Amino acid sequence: MHIIFASDTIKKIVMGTHKDFFKQFVQFINTADENLAQRLISPVAKFHVPGQPEPAQGPKGYLMVISMMRSGFPDIQWTLEDMITEGDKVAARFTMRGTHHGEFFGVPATGKVIGIQAINFYRLSNEQIIEEHGQPDMLELLRQIGAIPN
């Protein structure tokens, strides 16, 4: 006999909803589609970006973060590797891959290919992101483009 508790059913529904949401989110970050930004990101969302004292805000703020990455790595693509959800919170592990074809953090283009991990924490409300704490492995990224020694 298998008993399903209401809370288990709710968790499965939320997890399925979050998976669908993050499929669209990955499409957004890989394309910088402004329409998806408007749909997926709350106008009051805050994005805590390493190295920036103030969070970026709303869809335009997130597009600015993507633009910053694309300025150094025009072909950058994110792959969602893992996701854990609890209520309105999501922890996601991404792999970022791209080629260093533009200046990034003062480092001139090297043509080197990067592959780094990022672990980001999100808070969702009304099917939109309202907060993100992004934690890309910047040390490894800088190592891979030759900015710091191995």
Protein backbone atom coordinates (compact mmCIF):
# COMPACT_ATOMS: atom_id res chain seq x y z
CA MET A 1 0.00 0.00 0.00
CA HIS A 2 1.35 3.41 -1.01
CA ILE A 3 0.14 6.46 0.85
CA ILE A 4 0.58 9.89 -0.69
CA PHE A 5 0.34 12.77 1.72
CA ALA A 6 -1.10 16.07 0.53
CA SER A 7 2.23 17.80 1.22
CA ASP A 8 4.01 15.26 -1.04
CA THR A 9 1.55 15.97 -3.84
CA ILE A 10 2.02 19.71 -3.41
CA LYS A 11 5.81 19.27 -3.49
CA LYS A 12 5.55 17.32 -6.76
CA ILE A 13 3.33 19.99 -8.32
CA VAL A 14 5.66 22.80 -7.20
CA MET A 15 8.74 20.90 -8.41
CA GLY A 16 7.11 20.30 -11.81
CA THR A 17 6.13 23.95 -12.05
CA HIS A 18 9.65 25.06 -11.11
CA LYS A 19 11.18 22.69 -13.68
CA ASP A 20 8.97 24.13 -16.41
CA PHE A 21 9.76 27.66 -15.26
CA PHE A 22 13.52 27.04 -15.31
CA LYS A 23 13.39 25.51 -18.79
CA GLN A 24 12.04 28.87 -19.95
CA PHE A 25 14.57 30.70 -17.79
CA VAL A 26 17.49 28.83 -19.41
CA GLN A 27 16.05 29.74 -22.80
CA PHE A 28 15.96 33.37 -21.64
CA ILE A 29 19.56 33.50 -20.38
CA ASN A 30 20.84 31.74 -23.51
CA THR A 31 19.04 34.13 -25.87
CA ALA A 32 18.63 37.35 -23.83
CA ASP A 33 15.05 37.44 -25.15
CA GLU A 34 13.47 40.64 -23.79
CA ASN A 35 9.95 39.20 -23.98
CA LEU A 36 10.95 36.26 -21.81
CA ALA A 37 12.67 38.67 -19.42
CA GLN A 38 9.42 40.58 -18.97
CA ARG A 39 7.46 37.38 -18.39
CA LEU A 40 9.91 35.61 -16.05
CA ILE A 41 11.37 38.45 -13.99
CA SER A 42 9.49 40.73 -11.63
CA PRO A 43 10.02 44.47 -12.14
CA VAL A 44 11.13 44.65 -8.47
CA ALA A 45 13.45 41.62 -8.62
CA LYS A 46 16.91 42.05 -7.13
CA PHE A 47 19.98 40.31 -8.54
CA HIS A 48 22.99 40.13 -6.24
CA VAL A 49 26.01 39.96 -8.53
CA PRO A 50 29.52 39.26 -7.20
CA GLY A 51 31.71 42.35 -7.40
CA GLN A 52 28.80 44.79 -7.58
CA PRO A 53 27.94 46.67 -4.38
CA GLU A 54 24.29 47.20 -5.33
CA PRO A 55 21.97 44.57 -6.80
CA ALA A 56 20.75 44.86 -10.36
CA GLN A 57 16.98 45.25 -10.53
CA GLY A 58 14.16 43.94 -12.70
CA PRO A 59 14.27 42.57 -16.25
CA LYS A 60 16.59 45.35 -17.46
CA GLY A 61 19.00 44.63 -14.61
CA TYR A 62 19.14 40.95 -15.49
CA LEU A 63 19.62 41.74 -19.17
CA MET A 64 22.53 43.98 -18.10
CA VAL A 65 24.12 41.03 -16.24
CA ILE A 66 23.75 38.84 -19.34
CA SER A 67 25.17 41.64 -21.51
CA MET A 68 28.20 41.89 -19.22
CA MET A 69 28.88 38.16 -19.67
CA ARG A 70 28.25 38.32 -23.43
CA SER A 71 30.67 41.24 -23.81
CA GLY A 72 33.50 38.88 -22.85
CA PHE A 73 31.96 35.62 -24.09
CA PRO A 74 29.58 36.36 -26.99
CA ASP A 75 28.74 32.67 -27.48
CA ILE A 76 28.14 31.89 -23.78
CA GLN A 77 25.51 29.27 -23.04
CA TRP A 78 24.18 28.02 -19.72
CA THR A 79 23.14 24.44 -19.01
CA LEU A 80 21.02 23.68 -15.96
CA GLU A 81 22.65 20.67 -14.29
CA ASP A 82 20.79 20.36 -10.96
CA MET A 83 17.90 22.01 -9.20
CA ILE A 84 16.55 21.74 -5.67
CA THR A 85 13.33 23.44 -4.62
CA GLU A 86 11.74 24.22 -1.30
CA GLY A 87 8.64 26.35 -1.29
CA ASP A 88 9.39 29.59 -3.12
CA LYS A 89 13.16 28.97 -3.16
CA VAL A 90 15.25 27.24 -5.81
CA ALA A 91 18.93 26.33 -5.76
CA ALA A 92 20.30 25.70 -9.25
CA ARG A 93 23.69 24.54 -10.51
CA PHE A 94 24.62 25.66 -14.00
CA THR A 95 27.56 25.03 -16.30
CA MET A 96 28.55 28.08 -18.32
CA ARG A 97 30.46 27.52 -21.56
CA GLY A 98 31.77 30.08 -23.97
CA THR A 99 34.77 31.52 -25.80
CA HIS A 100 36.69 34.54 -24.51
CA HIS A 101 36.32 36.85 -27.53
CA GLY A 102 36.00 40.18 -25.71
CA GLU A 103 37.48 42.00 -22.75
CA PHE A 104 36.28 40.64 -19.43
CA PHE A 105 37.18 42.17 -16.06
CA GLY A 106 40.02 44.01 -17.77
CA VAL A 107 41.41 40.87 -19.44
CA PRO A 108 41.72 41.25 -23.24
CA ALA A 109 40.23 38.52 -25.43
CA THR A 110 42.29 35.31 -25.47
CA GLY A 111 40.16 33.02 -27.63
CA LYS A 112 40.20 30.47 -24.79
CA VAL A 113 37.16 28.29 -24.19
CA ILE A 114 35.76 28.27 -20.67
CA GLY A 115 33.58 25.81 -18.84
CA ILE A 116 32.73 26.81 -15.29
CA GLN A 117 30.12 26.09 -12.66
CA ALA A 118 27.70 28.53 -11.07
CA ILE A 119 25.41 27.92 -8.15
CA ASN A 120 22.56 30.38 -7.95
CA PHE A 121 19.81 30.80 -5.41
CA TYR A 122 16.42 32.12 -6.48
CA ARG A 123 13.22 33.23 -4.84
CA LEU A 124 10.01 33.08 -6.88
CA SER A 125 6.65 34.76 -6.46
CA ASN A 126 3.65 34.74 -8.81
CA GLU A 127 5.61 32.70 -11.38
CA GLN A 128 8.41 35.27 -11.58
CA ILE A 129 11.89 35.58 -10.13
CA ILE A 130 11.98 38.18 -7.37
CA GLU A 131 15.53 37.58 -6.13
CA GLU A 132 18.74 35.86 -7.19
CA HIS A 133 22.07 35.41 -5.47
CA GLY A 134 24.48 34.40 -8.24
CA GLN A 135 27.65 32.52 -7.34
CA PRO A 136 29.66 31.81 -10.50
CA ASP A 137 33.11 30.32 -9.97
CA MET A 138 34.91 33.55 -10.91
CA LEU A 139 38.28 32.27 -9.69
CA GLU A 140 38.09 29.33 -12.11
CA LEU A 141 36.85 31.58 -14.93
CA LEU A 142 39.79 33.96 -14.46
CA ARG A 143 42.16 30.98 -14.30
CA GLN A 144 40.77 29.54 -17.53
CA ILE A 145 41.26 32.80 -19.44
CA GLY A 146 44.80 33.15 -18.09
CA ALA A 147 44.18 36.13 -15.81
CA ILE A 148 45.62 34.23 -12.83
CA PRO A 149 48.17 31.42 -12.83
CA ASN A 150 47.26 27.76 -12.45
